[in-house]
C-alpha cells in the first residue's frame, strides 16, 4: 500500500494567522498598553496638579505664573525703592526671587505647600535663599504691617477686601504694586505695561488718607445728627 494514504496522527493549527493564541496575545498587549498610559497620566497629574490647581483661599486665587514682562514691570515701578518686599500669593516664587536679585529682602506667602517647597528649592538653586523666605499661610491671616513694598497678583473678587486690609495695616511709607487687576477705589501713582502685563503702583500715604477722610466724614455726620 502506498504511504500517501496514511493520515498524520496530529495537525499543526496554532501557527495559522488569526488563531486563538494571537488573539490572546493582542488582548494582553492591549491591557499592558492601557495600564502604561493610565499610569503615566496619574503620575503626570500627581506632579503637575498641585502647581496648576487653585489653593484653597477665602477668595479663590489660582496659580497663574507671572510672565517675564510682568516681573520687569514690577521691578520697574519699584526701581527707586529698597528694603523689605512681600509677594501676596507668591506662587512658584519668581517675583520674590527676582526682587531678591535686585537687592530686596523678599518674602512670599502662599497657601499651596507644593509651590512653597518648590519656591524654596528654586531660591536655593539660584543663590538667593539667604535673602528670601517663603511661608505657607492664608493671606487673610497674615499682617503685612512690617513690609515697605507689597506685590499682589489678585483677582477682581478680592481687591476691594484687600484694600481695606492694606489700608489698615501698612505704614504711610509703603508702596503697593497690583498686577493684572487694579484696586477698585485707589488712584495709582504710576502705571507700567499694557494688557495682562499692566501693573499699578499705589502710595500708602495717599490711600491711608482715604480712611482718615472717611472717619472725619463719619464724625461730622454724627455731630449733625445730634
N, C-alpha and C. Protein backbone atom coordinates (compact mmCIF):
# COMPACT_ATOMS: atom_id res chain seq x y z
N UNK A 1 0.84 -1.18 0.00
CA UNK A 1 0.00 0.00 0.00
C UNK A 1 0.89 1.24 0.00
N UNK A 2 0.32 2.24 -0.61
CA UNK A 2 1.12 3.46 -0.68
C UNK A 2 1.07 4.20 0.65
N UNK A 3 2.25 4.78 1.01
CA UNK A 3 2.31 5.57 2.25
C UNK A 3 1.52 6.87 2.16
N UNK A 4 1.18 7.29 0.96
CA UNK A 4 0.47 8.56 0.80
C UNK A 4 -0.94 8.52 1.34
N UNK A 5 -1.44 7.32 1.58
CA UNK A 5 -2.80 7.21 2.08
C UNK A 5 -2.89 7.22 3.60
N UNK A 6 -1.73 7.29 4.24
CA UNK A 6 -1.71 7.27 5.71
C UNK A 6 -1.93 8.70 6.25
N UNK A 7 -2.93 8.90 7.09
CA UNK A 7 -3.23 10.21 7.68
C UNK A 7 -2.32 10.47 8.87
N UNK A 8 -1.83 11.72 9.00
CA UNK A 8 -0.96 12.05 10.16
C UNK A 8 -1.75 11.97 11.45
N UNK A 9 -1.03 11.64 12.51
CA UNK A 9 -1.69 11.46 13.82
C UNK A 9 -2.10 12.79 14.44
N UNK A 10 -1.49 13.94 13.98
CA UNK A 10 -1.90 15.25 14.51
C UNK A 10 -1.68 16.29 13.43
N UNK A 11 -2.34 17.41 13.56
CA UNK A 11 -2.19 18.52 12.61
C UNK A 11 -1.72 19.76 13.34
N UNK A 12 -0.95 20.61 12.64
CA UNK A 12 -0.45 21.88 13.23
C UNK A 12 -1.45 22.98 12.90
N UNK A 13 -2.15 23.56 13.94
CA UNK A 13 -3.20 24.57 13.74
C UNK A 13 -2.89 25.90 14.41
N UNK A 14 -2.06 25.90 15.44
CA UNK A 14 -1.88 27.09 16.27
C UNK A 14 -1.05 28.18 15.63
N UNK A 15 -0.32 27.90 14.57
CA UNK A 15 0.54 28.91 13.96
C UNK A 15 -0.14 29.65 12.82
N UNK A 16 -1.39 29.29 12.53
CA UNK A 16 -2.08 29.96 11.44
C UNK A 16 -2.53 31.34 11.87
N UNK A 17 -2.50 32.35 10.95
CA UNK A 17 -2.94 33.71 11.30
C UNK A 17 -4.37 33.71 11.80
N UNK A 18 -4.64 34.59 12.82
CA UNK A 18 -5.99 34.71 13.36
C UNK A 18 -6.35 33.63 14.32
N UNK A 19 -5.37 32.86 14.75
CA UNK A 19 -5.64 31.78 15.69
C UNK A 19 -5.94 32.33 17.06
N UNK A 20 -6.36 31.49 17.97
CA UNK A 20 -6.70 31.90 19.32
C UNK A 20 -5.52 32.44 20.09
N UNK A 21 -4.32 31.90 19.86
CA UNK A 21 -3.14 32.37 20.60
C UNK A 21 -2.79 33.80 20.24
N UNK A 22 -2.95 34.16 18.95
CA UNK A 22 -2.68 35.54 18.52
C UNK A 22 -3.67 36.50 19.17
N UNK A 23 -4.92 36.09 19.21
CA UNK A 23 -5.95 36.94 19.83
C UNK A 23 -5.66 37.16 21.30
N UNK A 24 -5.26 36.12 21.98
CA UNK A 24 -4.93 36.23 23.40
C UNK A 24 -3.74 37.16 23.61
N UNK A 25 -2.73 37.05 22.74
CA UNK A 25 -1.54 37.91 22.86
C UNK A 25 -1.91 39.38 22.66
N UNK A 26 -2.77 39.63 21.68
CA UNK A 26 -3.19 41.01 21.42
C UNK A 26 -3.94 41.59 22.61
N UNK A 27 -4.77 40.76 23.24
CA UNK A 27 -5.51 41.23 24.42
C UNK A 27 -4.56 41.61 25.55
N UNK A 28 -3.54 40.73 25.75
CA UNK A 28 -2.59 41.01 26.83
C UNK A 28 -1.81 42.29 26.55
N UNK A 29 -1.41 42.48 25.28
CA UNK A 29 -0.68 43.70 24.92
C UNK A 29 -1.57 44.94 25.09
N UNK A 30 -2.86 44.78 24.78
CA UNK A 30 -3.78 45.90 24.95
C UNK A 30 -3.94 46.30 26.41
N UNK A 31 -4.01 45.29 27.28
CA UNK A 31 -4.13 45.56 28.72
C UNK A 31 -2.87 46.26 29.24
N UNK A 32 -1.70 45.78 28.81
CA UNK A 32 -0.44 46.38 29.24
C UNK A 32 -0.34 47.83 28.79
N UNK A 33 -0.70 48.08 27.51
CA UNK A 33 -0.64 49.44 26.98
C UNK A 33 -1.58 50.37 27.74
N UNK A 34 -2.78 49.87 28.06
CA UNK A 34 -3.74 50.68 28.81
C UNK A 34 -3.21 51.02 30.20
N UNK A 35 -2.57 50.05 30.85
CA UNK A 35 -2.00 50.28 32.18
C UNK A 35 -0.87 51.31 32.13
N UNK A 36 -0.03 51.21 31.09
CA UNK A 36 1.09 52.14 30.96
C UNK A 36 0.59 53.56 30.75
N UNK A 37 -0.37 53.73 29.83
CA UNK A 37 -0.91 55.06 29.56
C UNK A 37 -1.62 55.63 30.79
N UNK A 38 -2.44 54.80 31.44
CA UNK A 38 -3.15 55.25 32.63
C UNK A 38 -2.20 55.63 33.75
N UNK A 39 -1.17 54.80 33.95
CA UNK A 39 -0.19 55.11 34.99
C UNK A 39 0.56 56.40 34.71
N UNK A 40 0.87 56.63 33.43
CA UNK A 40 1.57 57.86 33.05
C UNK A 40 0.72 59.10 33.32
N UNK A 41 -0.57 59.00 33.02
CA UNK A 41 -1.47 60.13 33.28
C UNK A 41 -1.60 60.42 34.76
N UNK A 42 -1.70 59.37 35.56
CA UNK A 42 -1.79 59.55 37.01
C UNK A 42 -0.52 60.21 37.55
N UNK A 43 0.64 59.75 37.08
CA UNK A 43 1.91 60.32 37.52
C UNK A 43 2.02 61.78 37.11
N UNK A 44 1.58 62.09 35.88
CA UNK A 44 1.63 63.47 35.41
C UNK A 44 0.74 64.37 36.24
N UNK A 45 -0.46 63.89 36.57
CA UNK A 45 -1.36 64.69 37.39
C UNK A 45 -0.81 64.90 38.80
N UNK A 46 -0.18 63.85 39.34
CA UNK A 46 0.37 63.95 40.70
C UNK A 46 1.46 65.01 40.77
N UNK A 47 2.25 65.13 39.70
CA UNK A 47 3.34 66.10 39.69
C UNK A 47 2.83 67.49 39.36
N UNK A 48 1.99 67.59 38.32
CA UNK A 48 1.57 68.91 37.84
C UNK A 48 0.36 69.47 38.57
N UNK A 49 -0.48 68.59 39.10
CA UNK A 49 -1.72 69.03 39.72
C UNK A 49 -1.56 70.09 40.79
N UNK A 50 -0.67 69.91 41.77
CA UNK A 50 -0.51 70.90 42.82
C UNK A 50 -0.06 72.26 42.32
N UNK A 51 0.61 72.31 41.15
CA UNK A 51 1.08 73.57 40.63
C UNK A 51 -0.01 74.30 39.86
N UNK A 52 -0.97 73.55 39.31
CA UNK A 52 -1.99 74.14 38.47
C UNK A 52 -3.27 74.42 39.25
N UNK A 53 -3.61 73.54 40.18
CA UNK A 53 -4.87 73.68 40.90
C UNK A 53 -4.84 74.89 41.82
N UNK A 54 -5.99 75.57 41.98
CA UNK A 54 -6.05 76.70 42.90
C UNK A 54 -5.88 76.25 44.34
N UNK A 55 -5.18 77.06 45.11
CA UNK A 55 -5.10 76.79 46.54
C UNK A 55 -6.42 77.19 47.18
N UNK A 56 -6.73 76.61 48.33
CA UNK A 56 -7.99 76.91 48.99
C UNK A 56 -7.85 78.21 49.77
N UNK A 57 -8.55 79.21 49.32
CA UNK A 57 -8.45 80.52 49.94
C UNK A 57 -9.85 81.06 50.21
N UNK A 58 -9.89 82.13 51.00
CA UNK A 58 -11.16 82.79 51.25
C UNK A 58 -11.77 83.26 49.94
N UNK A 59 -10.93 83.78 49.06
CA UNK A 59 -11.30 84.05 47.67
C UNK A 59 -10.37 83.22 46.81
N UNK A 60 -10.91 82.49 45.84
CA UNK A 60 -10.10 81.60 45.01
C UNK A 60 -9.06 82.39 44.24
N UNK A 61 -7.79 82.10 44.47
CA UNK A 61 -6.69 82.78 43.80
C UNK A 61 -5.86 81.73 43.09
N UNK A 62 -6.18 81.43 41.82
CA UNK A 62 -5.48 80.36 41.10
C UNK A 62 -4.04 80.72 40.82
N UNK A 63 -3.21 79.71 40.66
CA UNK A 63 -1.80 79.93 40.34
C UNK A 63 -1.65 80.15 38.84
N UNK A 64 -1.32 81.37 38.46
CA UNK A 64 -1.03 81.72 37.07
C UNK A 64 0.35 82.36 37.06
N UNK A 65 1.36 81.67 36.56
CA UNK A 65 2.74 82.20 36.63
C UNK A 65 2.87 83.57 35.98
N UNK A 66 3.62 84.44 36.61
CA UNK A 66 3.90 85.77 36.05
C UNK A 66 4.82 85.63 34.84
N UNK A 67 4.57 86.46 33.84
CA UNK A 67 5.43 86.46 32.67
C UNK A 67 6.70 87.27 32.98
N UNK A 68 7.71 87.11 32.16
CA UNK A 68 8.95 87.86 32.36
C UNK A 68 8.69 89.36 32.21
N UNK A 69 7.75 89.74 31.35
CA UNK A 69 7.41 91.15 31.18
C UNK A 69 6.75 91.71 32.42
N UNK A 70 5.86 90.93 33.02
CA UNK A 70 5.21 91.37 34.26
C UNK A 70 6.23 91.58 35.36
N UNK A 71 7.17 90.68 35.48
CA UNK A 71 8.20 90.80 36.51
C UNK A 71 9.03 92.07 36.29
N UNK A 72 9.41 92.31 35.04
CA UNK A 72 10.19 93.51 34.74
C UNK A 72 9.39 94.77 35.04
N UNK A 73 8.08 94.75 34.79
CA UNK A 73 7.25 95.92 35.08
C UNK A 73 7.16 96.17 36.58
N UNK A 74 7.06 95.09 37.35
CA UNK A 74 7.03 95.24 38.82
C UNK A 74 8.33 95.88 39.31
N UNK A 75 9.44 95.37 38.84
CA UNK A 75 10.73 95.91 39.27
C UNK A 75 10.94 97.33 38.75
N UNK A 76 10.35 97.64 37.62
CA UNK A 76 10.48 98.98 37.05
C UNK A 76 9.83 100.03 37.94
N UNK A 77 8.59 99.76 38.39
CA UNK A 77 7.89 100.75 39.22
C UNK A 77 8.46 100.80 40.64
N UNK A 78 9.27 99.81 41.01
CA UNK A 78 9.92 99.80 42.33
C UNK A 78 11.40 100.13 42.22
N UNK A 79 11.80 100.72 41.10
CA UNK A 79 13.22 100.94 40.82
C UNK A 79 13.91 101.78 41.89
N UNK A 80 13.23 102.77 42.43
CA UNK A 80 13.84 103.65 43.42
C UNK A 80 13.60 103.18 44.85
N UNK A 81 12.97 102.03 45.00
CA UNK A 81 12.63 101.52 46.32
C UNK A 81 13.66 100.51 46.82
N UNK A 82 13.63 100.26 48.12
CA UNK A 82 14.52 99.26 48.73
C UNK A 82 13.84 98.73 49.98
N UNK A 83 14.57 97.91 50.73
CA UNK A 83 14.03 97.38 51.98
C UNK A 83 13.32 96.06 51.79
N UNK A 84 12.24 95.88 52.53
CA UNK A 84 11.52 94.60 52.52
C UNK A 84 10.43 94.60 51.45
N UNK A 85 10.21 93.42 50.90
CA UNK A 85 9.15 93.26 49.89
C UNK A 85 8.42 91.95 50.17
N UNK A 86 7.10 91.99 50.04
CA UNK A 86 6.30 90.79 50.22
C UNK A 86 5.45 90.57 48.98
N UNK A 87 5.40 89.33 48.53
CA UNK A 87 4.54 88.94 47.41
C UNK A 87 3.39 88.13 48.00
N UNK A 88 2.18 88.66 47.86
CA UNK A 88 1.00 88.01 48.41
C UNK A 88 0.47 87.00 47.40
N UNK A 89 0.52 85.73 47.77
CA UNK A 89 0.18 84.67 46.83
C UNK A 89 1.34 84.46 45.88
N UNK A 90 2.48 84.05 46.42
CA UNK A 90 3.76 84.09 45.70
C UNK A 90 3.93 82.98 44.66
N UNK A 91 3.00 82.02 44.60
CA UNK A 91 3.08 81.01 43.57
C UNK A 91 4.38 80.24 43.59
N UNK A 92 5.07 80.20 42.44
CA UNK A 92 6.33 79.46 42.36
C UNK A 92 7.54 80.30 42.73
N UNK A 93 7.31 81.51 43.28
CA UNK A 93 8.39 82.31 43.85
C UNK A 93 9.14 83.20 42.90
N UNK A 94 8.72 83.30 41.65
CA UNK A 94 9.53 84.03 40.68
C UNK A 94 9.63 85.52 40.96
N UNK A 95 8.56 86.15 41.50
CA UNK A 95 8.62 87.57 41.85
C UNK A 95 9.58 87.78 43.03
N UNK A 96 9.45 86.93 44.04
CA UNK A 96 10.31 87.04 45.22
C UNK A 96 11.79 86.87 44.84
N UNK A 97 12.07 85.89 44.02
CA UNK A 97 13.45 85.61 43.61
C UNK A 97 14.01 86.77 42.78
N UNK A 98 13.21 87.29 41.86
CA UNK A 98 13.65 88.41 41.03
C UNK A 98 13.90 89.65 41.88
N UNK A 99 13.05 89.88 42.89
CA UNK A 99 13.22 91.04 43.77
C UNK A 99 14.48 90.89 44.62
N UNK A 100 14.74 89.67 45.09
CA UNK A 100 15.94 89.42 45.88
C UNK A 100 17.20 89.70 45.07
N UNK A 101 17.16 89.38 43.80
CA UNK A 101 18.32 89.64 42.94
C UNK A 101 18.54 91.13 42.72
N UNK A 102 17.49 91.94 42.95
CA UNK A 102 17.60 93.39 42.83
C UNK A 102 17.91 94.06 44.17
N UNK A 103 18.14 93.25 45.20
CA UNK A 103 18.55 93.81 46.48
C UNK A 103 17.50 93.87 47.56
N UNK A 104 16.28 93.45 47.28
CA UNK A 104 15.24 93.44 48.30
C UNK A 104 15.39 92.24 49.24
N UNK A 105 14.97 92.42 50.47
CA UNK A 105 14.78 91.31 51.38
C UNK A 105 13.36 90.83 51.14
N UNK A 106 13.21 89.76 50.38
CA UNK A 106 11.91 89.41 49.82
C UNK A 106 11.27 88.20 50.50
N UNK A 107 9.96 88.28 50.67
CA UNK A 107 9.19 87.25 51.36
C UNK A 107 7.97 86.90 50.51
N UNK A 108 7.61 85.63 50.49
CA UNK A 108 6.42 85.19 49.79
C UNK A 108 5.48 84.44 50.70
N UNK A 109 4.19 84.71 50.59
CA UNK A 109 3.16 83.97 51.32
C UNK A 109 2.30 83.24 50.30
N UNK A 110 2.16 81.94 50.51
CA UNK A 110 1.43 81.09 49.58
C UNK A 110 0.77 79.96 50.36
N UNK A 111 -0.50 79.68 50.04
CA UNK A 111 -1.23 78.65 50.77
C UNK A 111 -0.93 77.25 50.26
N UNK A 112 -0.49 77.13 49.02
CA UNK A 112 -0.21 75.82 48.43
C UNK A 112 1.18 75.35 48.85
N UNK A 113 1.29 74.31 49.68
CA UNK A 113 2.59 73.88 50.18
C UNK A 113 3.54 73.40 49.09
N UNK A 114 3.01 72.77 48.04
CA UNK A 114 3.87 72.31 46.96
C UNK A 114 4.61 73.48 46.31
N UNK A 115 3.89 74.58 46.11
CA UNK A 115 4.50 75.76 45.50
C UNK A 115 5.53 76.39 46.43
N UNK A 116 5.26 76.38 47.71
CA UNK A 116 6.22 76.93 48.68
C UNK A 116 7.50 76.12 48.69
N UNK A 117 7.39 74.81 48.72
CA UNK A 117 8.59 73.96 48.72
C UNK A 117 9.38 74.13 47.43
N UNK A 118 8.65 74.23 46.33
CA UNK A 118 9.33 74.44 45.05
C UNK A 118 10.04 75.80 45.03
N UNK A 119 9.39 76.84 45.58
CA UNK A 119 9.98 78.18 45.63
C UNK A 119 11.27 78.18 46.44
N UNK A 120 11.26 77.47 47.57
CA UNK A 120 12.47 77.40 48.40
C UNK A 120 13.61 76.71 47.67
N UNK A 121 13.27 75.64 46.98
CA UNK A 121 14.29 74.94 46.20
C UNK A 121 14.83 75.83 45.08
N UNK A 122 13.94 76.54 44.40
CA UNK A 122 14.34 77.40 43.29
C UNK A 122 15.22 78.55 43.78
N UNK A 123 14.87 79.12 44.94
CA UNK A 123 15.68 80.20 45.51
C UNK A 123 17.07 79.70 45.88
N UNK A 124 17.14 78.50 46.43
CA UNK A 124 18.44 77.90 46.76
C UNK A 124 19.26 77.65 45.50
N UNK A 125 18.59 77.15 44.46
CA UNK A 125 19.29 76.84 43.21
C UNK A 125 19.84 78.10 42.55
N UNK A 126 19.13 79.23 42.72
CA UNK A 126 19.56 80.47 42.08
C UNK A 126 20.38 81.35 43.01
N UNK A 127 20.72 80.83 44.18
CA UNK A 127 21.65 81.51 45.06
C UNK A 127 21.12 82.68 45.84
N UNK A 128 19.80 82.77 46.05
CA UNK A 128 19.23 83.90 46.79
C UNK A 128 18.46 83.43 48.02
N UNK A 129 18.73 82.20 48.48
CA UNK A 129 17.98 81.66 49.62
C UNK A 129 18.25 82.42 50.91
N UNK A 130 19.39 83.12 51.00
CA UNK A 130 19.69 83.88 52.21
C UNK A 130 18.87 85.17 52.30
N UNK A 131 18.38 85.66 51.17
CA UNK A 131 17.62 86.92 51.17
C UNK A 131 16.15 86.70 50.79
N UNK A 132 15.70 85.45 50.85
CA UNK A 132 14.29 85.14 50.57
C UNK A 132 13.72 84.24 51.66
N UNK A 133 12.43 84.35 51.84
CA UNK A 133 11.70 83.47 52.76
C UNK A 133 10.34 83.18 52.16
N UNK A 134 9.88 81.95 52.35
CA UNK A 134 8.58 81.55 51.83
C UNK A 134 7.79 80.86 52.95
N UNK A 135 6.53 81.27 53.09
CA UNK A 135 5.70 80.75 54.17
C UNK A 135 4.39 80.19 53.62
N UNK A 136 3.94 79.10 54.23
CA UNK A 136 2.64 78.51 53.89
C UNK A 136 1.60 79.19 54.77
N UNK A 137 0.81 80.06 54.20
CA UNK A 137 -0.15 80.80 55.01
C UNK A 137 -1.24 81.42 54.15
N UNK A 138 -2.42 81.54 54.73
CA UNK A 138 -3.54 82.24 54.12
C UNK A 138 -3.28 83.75 54.24
N UNK A 139 -3.38 84.47 53.14
CA UNK A 139 -3.06 85.90 53.16
C UNK A 139 -3.95 86.69 54.10
N UNK A 140 -5.16 86.20 54.36
CA UNK A 140 -6.09 86.92 55.23
C UNK A 140 -5.73 86.75 56.71
N UNK A 141 -4.81 85.83 56.99
CA UNK A 141 -4.42 85.60 58.38
C UNK A 141 -3.03 86.16 58.69
N UNK A 142 -2.47 86.93 57.76
CA UNK A 142 -1.13 87.49 57.91
C UNK A 142 -1.23 89.00 58.00
N UNK A 143 -0.43 89.61 58.88
CA UNK A 143 -0.32 91.07 58.92
C UNK A 143 0.87 91.49 58.05
N UNK A 144 0.65 92.48 57.21
CA UNK A 144 1.69 92.97 56.32
C UNK A 144 2.29 94.30 56.78
N UNK A 145 2.08 94.61 58.04
CA UNK A 145 2.50 95.91 58.57
C UNK A 145 4.01 96.12 58.54
N UNK A 146 4.80 95.04 58.55
CA UNK A 146 6.25 95.19 58.61
C UNK A 146 6.90 95.38 57.24
N UNK A 147 6.12 95.33 56.16
CA UNK A 147 6.70 95.40 54.83
C UNK A 147 6.53 96.78 54.21
N UNK A 148 7.57 97.23 53.52
CA UNK A 148 7.53 98.55 52.89
C UNK A 148 7.14 98.49 51.43
N UNK A 149 7.16 97.28 50.84
CA UNK A 149 6.75 97.09 49.46
C UNK A 149 5.90 95.83 49.36
N UNK A 150 4.74 95.96 48.75
CA UNK A 150 3.79 94.85 48.67
C UNK A 150 3.43 94.61 47.20
N UNK A 151 3.49 93.35 46.79
CA UNK A 151 3.11 92.98 45.42
C UNK A 151 1.96 91.98 45.50
N UNK A 152 0.96 92.18 44.65
CA UNK A 152 -0.18 91.26 44.65
C UNK A 152 -0.62 90.98 43.22
N UNK A 153 -0.71 89.69 42.87
CA UNK A 153 -1.35 89.23 41.65
C UNK A 153 -2.73 88.73 42.06
N UNK A 154 -3.70 89.61 42.09
CA UNK A 154 -5.01 89.23 42.62
C UNK A 154 -6.04 88.99 41.54
N UNK A 155 -7.27 88.80 41.99
CA UNK A 155 -8.43 88.67 41.11
C UNK A 155 -9.44 89.73 41.55
N UNK A 156 -10.32 90.18 40.65
CA UNK A 156 -11.24 91.28 40.99
C UNK A 156 -12.05 91.05 42.25
N UNK A 157 -12.45 89.78 42.51
CA UNK A 157 -13.32 89.50 43.65
C UNK A 157 -12.67 89.81 45.00
N UNK A 158 -11.34 89.89 45.04
CA UNK A 158 -10.67 90.06 46.32
C UNK A 158 -10.12 91.46 46.52
N UNK A 159 -10.06 92.28 45.48
CA UNK A 159 -9.32 93.54 45.56
C UNK A 159 -9.95 94.54 46.53
N UNK A 160 -11.25 94.61 46.57
CA UNK A 160 -11.89 95.55 47.49
C UNK A 160 -11.62 95.19 48.95
N UNK A 161 -11.72 93.92 49.25
CA UNK A 161 -11.47 93.45 50.61
C UNK A 161 -10.00 93.63 50.99
N UNK A 162 -9.11 93.42 50.01
CA UNK A 162 -7.68 93.59 50.26
C UNK A 162 -7.33 95.06 50.47
N UNK A 163 -8.04 95.95 49.80
CA UNK A 163 -7.85 97.39 50.02
C UNK A 163 -7.99 97.73 51.50
N UNK A 164 -9.07 97.25 52.09
CA UNK A 164 -9.36 97.55 53.50
C UNK A 164 -8.26 97.01 54.40
N UNK A 165 -7.82 95.80 54.11
CA UNK A 165 -6.78 95.16 54.93
C UNK A 165 -5.46 95.95 54.86
N UNK A 166 -5.05 96.32 53.66
CA UNK A 166 -3.78 97.02 53.50
C UNK A 166 -3.86 98.46 54.01
N UNK A 167 -5.01 99.10 53.84
CA UNK A 167 -5.19 100.45 54.39
C UNK A 167 -4.99 100.46 55.90
N UNK A 168 -5.46 99.41 56.52
CA UNK A 168 -5.41 99.32 57.98
C UNK A 168 -4.00 98.95 58.48
N UNK A 169 -3.30 98.09 57.76
CA UNK A 169 -2.06 97.50 58.27
C UNK A 169 -0.78 98.23 57.85
N UNK A 170 -0.73 98.77 56.65
CA UNK A 170 0.53 99.31 56.14
C UNK A 170 0.87 100.68 56.73
N UNK A 171 2.16 100.96 56.79
CA UNK A 171 2.62 102.29 57.19
C UNK A 171 2.52 103.23 55.99
N UNK A 172 2.52 104.53 56.29
CA UNK A 172 2.34 105.53 55.23
C UNK A 172 3.47 105.55 54.22
N UNK A 173 4.62 104.98 54.57
CA UNK A 173 5.77 104.98 53.67
C UNK A 173 5.75 103.80 52.69
N UNK A 174 4.77 102.93 52.81
CA UNK A 174 4.73 101.72 51.98
C UNK A 174 4.23 102.01 50.57
N UNK A 175 4.59 101.10 49.67
CA UNK A 175 4.10 101.12 48.29
C UNK A 175 3.45 99.77 47.99
N UNK A 176 2.40 99.80 47.18
CA UNK A 176 1.70 98.57 46.80
C UNK A 176 1.67 98.48 45.28
N UNK A 177 2.04 97.31 44.76
CA UNK A 177 2.00 97.07 43.32
C UNK A 177 0.95 96.01 43.03
N UNK A 178 -0.04 96.37 42.22
CA UNK A 178 -1.08 95.43 41.80
C UNK A 178 -0.81 95.00 40.36
N UNK A 179 -0.90 93.71 40.12
CA UNK A 179 -0.63 93.16 38.80
C UNK A 179 -1.91 92.55 38.22
N UNK A 180 -2.12 92.78 36.93
CA UNK A 180 -3.26 92.27 36.16
C UNK A 180 -4.56 93.01 36.44
N UNK A 181 -4.88 93.27 37.73
CA UNK A 181 -6.10 93.97 38.07
C UNK A 181 -5.80 95.08 39.08
N UNK A 182 -6.31 96.30 38.85
CA UNK A 182 -6.07 97.40 39.79
C UNK A 182 -6.99 97.32 40.99
N UNK A 183 -6.69 98.11 42.00
CA UNK A 183 -7.60 98.24 43.14
C UNK A 183 -8.78 99.11 42.72
N UNK A 184 -9.97 98.82 43.24
CA UNK A 184 -11.19 99.48 42.74
C UNK A 184 -11.34 100.95 43.08
N UNK A 185 -10.84 101.40 44.23
CA UNK A 185 -11.07 102.80 44.63
C UNK A 185 -9.79 103.61 44.76
N UNK A 186 -8.64 102.99 44.82
CA UNK A 186 -7.39 103.73 44.93
C UNK A 186 -6.98 104.34 43.59
N UNK A 187 -6.27 105.46 43.67
CA UNK A 187 -5.72 106.10 42.47
C UNK A 187 -4.23 105.77 42.38
N UNK A 188 -3.79 105.15 41.29
CA UNK A 188 -2.37 104.77 41.18
C UNK A 188 -1.46 105.97 40.98
N UNK A 189 -0.25 105.88 41.51
CA UNK A 189 0.76 106.91 41.28
C UNK A 189 1.45 106.72 39.95
N UNK A 190 1.49 105.48 39.49
CA UNK A 190 2.18 105.19 38.23
C UNK A 190 1.62 103.89 37.66
N UNK A 191 1.70 103.75 36.34
CA UNK A 191 1.25 102.54 35.64
C UNK A 191 2.32 102.14 34.65
N UNK A 192 2.63 100.85 34.58
CA UNK A 192 3.62 100.35 33.62
C UNK A 192 3.06 99.16 32.87
N UNK A 193 3.39 99.04 31.59
CA UNK A 193 2.95 97.90 30.80
C UNK A 193 1.57 98.08 30.22
N UNK A 194 1.10 97.05 29.54
CA UNK A 194 -0.22 97.07 28.93
C UNK A 194 -0.80 95.67 28.89
N UNK A 195 -2.11 95.59 28.73
CA UNK A 195 -2.78 94.30 28.69
C UNK A 195 -2.61 93.53 30.00
N UNK A 196 -2.39 92.21 29.89
CA UNK A 196 -2.24 91.40 31.09
C UNK A 196 -0.94 91.69 31.83
N UNK A 197 -0.01 92.40 31.19
CA UNK A 197 1.27 92.71 31.84
C UNK A 197 1.24 94.05 32.58
N UNK A 198 0.08 94.71 32.61
CA UNK A 198 -0.03 96.01 33.28
C UNK A 198 0.15 95.88 34.79
N UNK A 199 0.87 96.82 35.38
CA UNK A 199 1.00 96.90 36.84
C UNK A 199 0.67 98.32 37.27
N UNK A 200 0.08 98.45 38.44
CA UNK A 200 -0.28 99.73 39.02
C UNK A 200 0.44 99.86 40.36
N UNK A 201 1.02 101.04 40.64
CA UNK A 201 1.69 101.24 41.92
C UNK A 201 0.94 102.30 42.72
N UNK A 202 0.75 102.01 43.99
CA UNK A 202 -0.02 102.88 44.87
C UNK A 202 0.83 103.31 46.07
N UNK A 203 0.64 104.57 46.48
CA UNK A 203 1.34 105.14 47.63
C UNK A 203 0.44 105.02 48.85
N UNK A 204 0.94 104.36 49.88
CA UNK A 204 0.12 104.17 51.09
C UNK A 204 -0.26 105.50 51.73
N UNK A 205 0.59 106.50 51.58
CA UNK A 205 0.28 107.81 52.15
C UNK A 205 -1.02 108.35 51.56
N UNK A 206 -1.25 108.04 50.28
CA UNK A 206 -2.46 108.51 49.60
C UNK A 206 -3.69 107.71 50.00
N UNK A 207 -3.58 106.36 49.95
CA UNK A 207 -4.80 105.61 50.23
C UNK A 207 -5.12 105.53 51.72
N UNK A 208 -4.14 105.75 52.59
CA UNK A 208 -4.46 105.78 54.01
C UNK A 208 -5.17 107.08 54.37
N UNK A 209 -4.97 108.12 53.56
CA UNK A 209 -5.69 109.37 53.76
C UNK A 209 -7.19 109.16 53.58
N UNK A 210 -7.55 108.22 52.71
CA UNK A 210 -8.96 107.94 52.48
C UNK A 210 -9.65 107.47 53.75
N UNK A 211 -8.93 106.69 54.57
CA UNK A 211 -9.50 106.22 55.83
C UNK A 211 -9.75 107.39 56.77
N UNK A 212 -8.77 108.28 56.86
CA UNK A 212 -8.92 109.44 57.74
C UNK A 212 -10.07 110.33 57.28
N UNK A 213 -10.18 110.49 55.96
CA UNK A 213 -11.27 111.32 55.44
C UNK A 213 -12.63 110.69 55.72
N UNK A 214 -12.69 109.36 55.57
CA UNK A 214 -13.96 108.67 55.86
C UNK A 214 -14.33 108.80 57.33
N UNK A 215 -13.33 108.68 58.21
CA UNK A 215 -13.60 108.80 59.65
C UNK A 215 -14.05 110.22 60.00
N UNK A 216 -13.40 111.21 59.37
CA UNK A 216 -13.79 112.61 59.62
C UNK A 216 -15.22 112.87 59.16
N UNK A 217 -15.56 112.29 58.00
CA UNK A 217 -16.92 112.48 57.48
C UNK A 217 -17.95 111.81 58.38
N UNK A 218 -17.58 110.63 58.91
CA UNK A 218 -18.49 109.95 59.82
C UNK A 218 -18.69 110.76 61.09
N UNK A 219 -17.60 111.38 61.59
CA UNK A 219 -17.70 112.19 62.79
C UNK A 219 -18.58 113.40 62.57
N UNK A 220 -18.45 114.03 61.41
CA UNK A 220 -19.27 115.18 61.10
C UNK A 220 -20.75 114.80 60.96
N UNK A 221 -20.99 113.62 60.38
CA UNK A 221 -22.37 113.15 60.26
C UNK A 221 -23.00 112.90 61.62
N UNK A 222 -22.18 112.32 62.54
CA UNK A 222 -22.70 112.06 63.90
C UNK A 222 -23.05 113.36 64.60
N UNK A 223 -22.19 114.39 64.44
CA UNK A 223 -22.47 115.68 65.08
C UNK A 223 -23.71 116.31 64.51
N UNK A 224 -23.90 116.17 63.20
CA UNK A 224 -25.07 116.74 62.54
C UNK A 224 -26.36 116.08 63.03
N UNK A 225 -26.29 114.77 63.22
CA UNK A 225 -27.46 114.04 63.69
C UNK A 225 -27.80 114.40 65.13
N UNK A 226 -26.77 114.75 65.92
CA UNK A 226 -27.00 115.12 67.32
C UNK A 226 -27.64 116.52 67.39
